[in-house]
Amino acid sequence: MRVFIGLGTNLGNREANLRLGIAKLSRIMTGVRISSIRETEAVGPSQPAYLNGALEGDTDFSPSCLLHVLKTIEYDLGRRQAPRWTARPLDLDILFYGSKIIQTPDLCIPHPEMHHRRFVLEPLDELDGNLVHPLLRKTIKDLLGELK
């Protein structure tokens, strides 16, 4: 299944955190492509700036299994349970899993806030601006245009 994963880090050696996270994802996915990485202001309380990007690839993991793998990678790179919107060494979010729509207490796909966030839409546009959001029925390019 073709998936898109949001990448973010604002704690520790941000570049190294992203490289390690991407390397781990590249071992479990095929056809991996990575957007350019950009520095962005944090959402929420005052904290260091983020490095953000997106990764596209194919996986045989189910959505829940992929979520578990992402959480394990985050943990391996130092992320621990903390209040929402706090600084973190690595943040990996499933943005799209094919065109599936999943809404459970543990997992929402597509990511529920992505269409409001330039730091998510710009990297997605770079990878595939014609990708259609299955709930909003708009392309990434259109969603990004609505923010400008």
Protein backbone atom coordinates (compact mmCIF):
# COMPACT_ATOMS: atom_id res chain seq x y z
CA MET A 1 0.00 0.00 0.00
CA ARG A 2 1.23 3.49 -0.82
CA VAL A 3 1.58 5.59 2.32
CA PHE A 4 2.68 9.10 3.21
CA ILE A 5 4.30 9.79 6.56
CA GLY A 6 4.89 13.19 8.13
CA LEU A 7 8.33 13.74 9.63
CA GLY A 8 9.14 16.20 12.40
CA THR A 9 11.79 16.86 15.03
CA ASN A 10 12.64 19.76 17.32
CA LEU A 11 14.72 18.21 20.10
CA GLY A 12 18.35 17.11 20.12
CA ASN A 13 20.29 16.74 16.88
CA ARG A 14 17.38 17.30 14.54
CA GLU A 15 19.20 16.36 11.33
CA ALA A 16 20.50 13.13 12.84
CA ASN A 17 17.05 12.29 14.23
CA LEU A 18 15.52 12.62 10.76
CA ARG A 19 18.31 10.64 9.09
CA LEU A 20 17.92 7.78 11.58
CA GLY A 21 14.13 7.78 11.34
CA ILE A 22 14.23 7.79 7.54
CA ALA A 23 16.83 5.00 7.52
CA LYS A 24 14.62 2.84 9.75
CA LEU A 25 11.56 3.52 7.59
CA SER A 26 13.54 2.73 4.44
CA ARG A 27 14.21 -0.77 5.82
CA ILE A 28 10.51 -1.58 6.10
CA MET A 29 9.24 0.19 2.98
CA THR A 30 9.97 0.10 -0.74
CA GLY A 31 10.06 2.88 -3.31
CA VAL A 32 10.82 5.46 -0.63
CA ARG A 33 10.89 9.12 -1.66
CA ILE A 34 11.55 11.98 0.71
CA SER A 35 10.55 15.62 0.35
CA SER A 36 12.96 18.40 1.08
CA ILE A 37 13.24 19.25 4.75
CA ARG A 38 12.21 22.68 5.98
CA GLU A 39 12.49 24.51 9.28
CA THR A 40 9.15 25.64 10.70
CA GLU A 41 7.79 27.27 13.83
CA ALA A 42 6.25 24.95 16.39
CA VAL A 43 2.48 24.72 16.79
CA GLY A 44 1.27 25.20 20.36
CA PRO A 45 3.34 26.30 23.35
CA SER A 46 6.69 28.05 22.92
CA GLN A 47 9.40 25.55 21.96
CA PRO A 48 12.30 25.14 19.52
CA ALA A 49 11.68 25.25 15.77
CA TYR A 50 10.97 22.00 13.93
CA LEU A 51 12.50 20.37 10.92
CA ASN A 52 9.61 18.95 8.89
CA GLY A 53 9.18 16.89 5.77
CA ALA A 54 7.29 13.93 4.37
CA LEU A 55 8.12 10.44 3.22
CA GLU A 56 6.30 8.40 0.59
CA GLY A 57 6.66 4.66 0.18
CA ASP A 58 4.98 1.28 -0.12
CA THR A 59 4.35 -1.06 2.78
CA ASP A 60 2.73 -4.42 3.41
CA PHE A 61 2.03 -3.51 7.05
CA SER A 62 -1.57 -2.94 8.07
CA PRO A 63 -2.36 0.59 9.30
CA SER A 64 -2.33 -0.47 12.96
CA CYS A 65 0.91 -2.42 12.54
CA LEU A 66 2.50 0.54 10.74
CA LEU A 67 1.43 2.83 13.60
CA HIS A 68 3.07 0.44 16.08
CA VAL A 69 6.30 0.46 14.01
CA LEU A 70 6.30 4.27 13.88
CA LYS A 71 5.80 4.51 17.65
CA THR A 72 8.67 2.04 18.16
CA ILE A 73 10.97 4.10 15.94
CA GLU A 74 10.02 7.26 17.85
CA TYR A 75 10.72 5.51 21.16
CA ASP A 76 14.05 4.15 19.92
CA LEU A 77 15.08 7.72 19.11
CA GLY A 78 14.17 9.00 22.58
CA ARG A 79 10.53 10.03 22.42
CA ARG A 80 8.58 9.38 25.61
CA GLN A 81 4.98 9.99 26.65
CA ALA A 82 4.42 13.73 27.11
CA PRO A 83 1.57 16.21 26.83
CA ARG A 84 0.37 17.06 23.34
CA TRP A 85 2.34 19.65 21.36
CA THR A 86 5.56 19.36 23.37
CA ALA A 87 9.09 19.18 21.99
CA ARG A 88 10.15 15.78 20.69
CA PRO A 89 13.19 14.14 19.12
CA LEU A 90 11.08 12.55 16.39
CA ASP A 91 7.43 12.69 15.36
CA LEU A 92 6.14 10.29 12.70
CA ASP A 93 2.52 10.60 11.57
CA ILE A 94 0.63 8.50 9.05
CA LEU A 95 -0.85 11.15 6.77
CA PHE A 96 -2.35 8.83 4.13
CA TYR A 97 -2.63 5.07 3.83
CA GLY A 98 -3.74 4.65 0.24
CA SER A 99 -7.20 6.18 0.08
CA LYS A 100 -8.35 4.49 3.29
CA ILE A 101 -10.36 6.38 5.87
CA ILE A 102 -9.78 5.11 9.40
CA GLN A 103 -11.21 6.74 12.51
CA THR A 104 -10.55 4.89 15.75
CA PRO A 105 -9.51 6.16 19.18
CA ASP A 106 -5.90 5.19 18.37
CA LEU A 107 -5.63 6.08 14.70
CA CYS A 108 -7.15 8.66 12.35
CA ILE A 109 -6.26 8.46 8.66
CA PRO A 110 -6.06 10.80 6.88
CA HIS A 111 -4.36 12.82 9.59
CA PRO A 112 -7.13 15.07 10.96
CA GLU A 113 -5.19 18.37 11.12
CA MET A 114 -3.05 18.09 8.01
CA HIS A 115 -5.16 20.31 5.76
CA HIS A 116 -4.59 23.25 8.15
CA ARG A 117 -0.81 22.88 8.28
CA ARG A 118 1.50 24.31 5.66
CA PHE A 119 4.41 22.30 7.12
CA VAL A 120 2.53 19.12 6.14
CA LEU A 121 1.00 20.23 2.85
CA GLU A 122 4.15 21.71 1.30
CA PRO A 123 6.19 18.48 1.57
CA LEU A 124 3.18 16.46 0.35
CA ASP A 125 2.78 18.81 -2.60
CA GLU A 126 6.43 18.25 -3.45
CA LEU A 127 5.90 14.47 -3.46
CA ASP A 128 2.48 14.40 -5.16
CA GLY A 129 0.44 17.57 -5.45
CA ASN A 130 -2.31 15.70 -7.29
CA LEU A 131 -2.91 13.32 -4.39
CA VAL A 132 -6.57 13.55 -3.39
CA HIS A 133 -7.61 13.82 0.26
CA PRO A 134 -10.26 11.07 0.54
CA LEU A 135 -12.50 12.98 2.98
CA LEU A 136 -12.20 16.50 1.60
CA ARG A 137 -12.04 15.34 -2.05
CA LYS A 138 -9.47 18.01 -2.87
CA THR A 139 -5.92 17.66 -4.11
CA ILE A 140 -2.98 18.55 -1.92
CA LYS A 141 -2.23 21.38 -4.35
CA ASP A 142 -5.77 22.75 -3.87
CA LEU A 143 -5.59 22.44 -0.07
CA LEU A 144 -2.26 24.26 -0.07
CA GLY A 145 -3.72 26.98 -2.31
CA GLU A 146 -6.53 27.51 0.19
CA LEU A 147 -3.95 28.36 2.88
CA LYS A 148 -2.31 31.12 0.83
